[in-house]
């Protein structure tokens, strides 16, 4: 079971600053595409409807560090082949 916390690892202001640094003016759509998430997730992070998880914050900070050193951003390619199941389906108990 995953424990829900009320901790966000990146404030909306910090997310926006990093987004502008990494992607420029149209950062929300570019970030969503690069990170492989739906653009509405970025909006939810910005409005604090969804708290930014540690993994996302670490990825954004890594991309910002790469950009600060004037290095090219890594490309993200989807995996090919069959996906291995990582969790079993939820079964409701009566």
Protein backbone atom coordinates (compact mmCIF):
# COMPACT_ATOMS: atom_id res chain seq x y z
CA UNK A 1 0.00 0.00 0.00
CA UNK A 2 1.26 3.45 -0.88
CA UNK A 3 1.06 5.98 1.92
CA UNK A 4 -0.26 9.36 0.82
CA UNK A 5 1.64 12.32 2.16
CA UNK A 6 0.97 16.02 1.95
CA UNK A 7 4.50 16.76 0.82
CA UNK A 8 5.24 18.29 -2.54
CA UNK A 9 8.79 18.11 -3.78
CA UNK A 10 8.57 21.09 -6.14
CA UNK A 11 6.55 24.26 -5.61
CA UNK A 12 4.54 25.71 -8.51
CA UNK A 13 6.96 28.66 -8.66
CA UNK A 14 9.99 26.36 -8.82
CA UNK A 15 8.31 24.15 -11.42
CA UNK A 16 7.56 27.19 -13.57
CA UNK A 17 11.11 28.55 -13.21
CA UNK A 18 12.59 25.20 -14.19
CA UNK A 19 10.14 24.82 -17.06
CA UNK A 20 11.01 28.24 -18.46
CA UNK A 21 14.73 27.51 -18.16
CA UNK A 22 14.49 24.11 -19.83
CA UNK A 23 11.83 24.64 -22.51
CA UNK A 24 11.16 28.36 -22.88
CA UNK A 25 7.83 30.15 -23.19
CA UNK A 26 5.68 27.13 -24.14
CA UNK A 27 7.18 25.07 -21.34
CA UNK A 28 4.06 23.28 -20.08
CA UNK A 29 3.28 21.46 -23.33
CA UNK A 30 6.97 20.81 -24.03
CA UNK A 31 7.56 19.42 -20.53
CA UNK A 32 4.51 17.17 -20.73
CA UNK A 33 5.63 15.78 -24.08
CA UNK A 34 9.24 15.29 -22.99
CA UNK A 35 8.28 13.64 -19.69
CA UNK A 36 5.64 11.48 -21.36
CA UNK A 37 2.73 12.72 -19.28
CA UNK A 38 -0.63 14.24 -20.10
CA UNK A 39 -0.50 18.07 -20.18
CA UNK A 40 -3.28 18.18 -17.59
CA UNK A 41 -0.86 16.69 -15.06
CA UNK A 42 1.39 19.74 -15.37
CA UNK A 43 -1.67 21.94 -14.80
CA UNK A 44 -2.59 19.90 -11.70
CA UNK A 45 0.94 20.34 -10.37
CA UNK A 46 0.77 24.10 -10.96
CA UNK A 47 -2.55 24.45 -9.13
CA UNK A 48 -1.53 22.05 -6.33
CA UNK A 49 -4.49 19.80 -7.14
CA UNK A 50 -1.85 17.07 -7.35
CA UNK A 51 1.37 17.24 -5.37
CA UNK A 52 4.62 16.82 -7.30
CA UNK A 53 6.16 13.44 -6.46
CA UNK A 54 9.85 13.08 -5.71
CA UNK A 55 10.59 11.16 -8.93
CA UNK A 56 9.15 13.94 -11.11
CA UNK A 57 10.96 16.66 -9.14
CA UNK A 58 14.28 14.81 -9.45
CA UNK A 59 13.80 14.43 -13.21
CA UNK A 60 12.99 18.14 -13.61
CA UNK A 61 16.04 19.14 -11.55
CA UNK A 62 18.26 16.84 -13.60
CA UNK A 63 16.98 18.40 -16.85
CA UNK A 64 17.51 21.90 -15.42
CA UNK A 65 21.09 21.00 -14.47
CA UNK A 66 21.74 19.68 -17.96
CA UNK A 67 20.32 22.90 -19.44
CA UNK A 68 22.40 25.10 -17.09
CA UNK A 69 25.53 23.39 -18.43
CA UNK A 70 24.42 24.05 -22.02
CA UNK A 71 24.25 20.35 -22.83
CA UNK A 72 21.63 18.84 -25.13
CA UNK A 73 18.59 17.38 -23.43
CA UNK A 74 18.30 13.61 -23.64
CA UNK A 75 15.71 12.20 -25.97
CA UNK A 76 13.06 9.98 -24.54
CA UNK A 77 12.02 6.98 -26.59
CA UNK A 78 9.30 4.55 -25.65
CA UNK A 79 10.38 1.00 -25.00
CA UNK A 80 9.72 -1.58 -27.64
CA UNK A 81 8.43 -5.08 -27.23
CA UNK A 82 6.03 -6.50 -24.71
CA UNK A 83 5.77 -4.86 -21.32
CA UNK A 84 6.29 -6.94 -18.23
CA UNK A 85 3.51 -6.67 -15.66
CA UNK A 86 4.75 -4.91 -12.55
CA UNK A 87 1.65 -5.23 -10.40
CA UNK A 88 -1.28 -7.53 -10.17
CA UNK A 89 -4.79 -6.27 -10.80
CA UNK A 90 -6.71 -4.96 -7.85
CA UNK A 91 -9.31 -7.41 -6.67
CA UNK A 92 -12.17 -6.08 -4.60
CA UNK A 93 -12.98 -8.25 -1.63
CA UNK A 94 -16.56 -8.62 -0.45
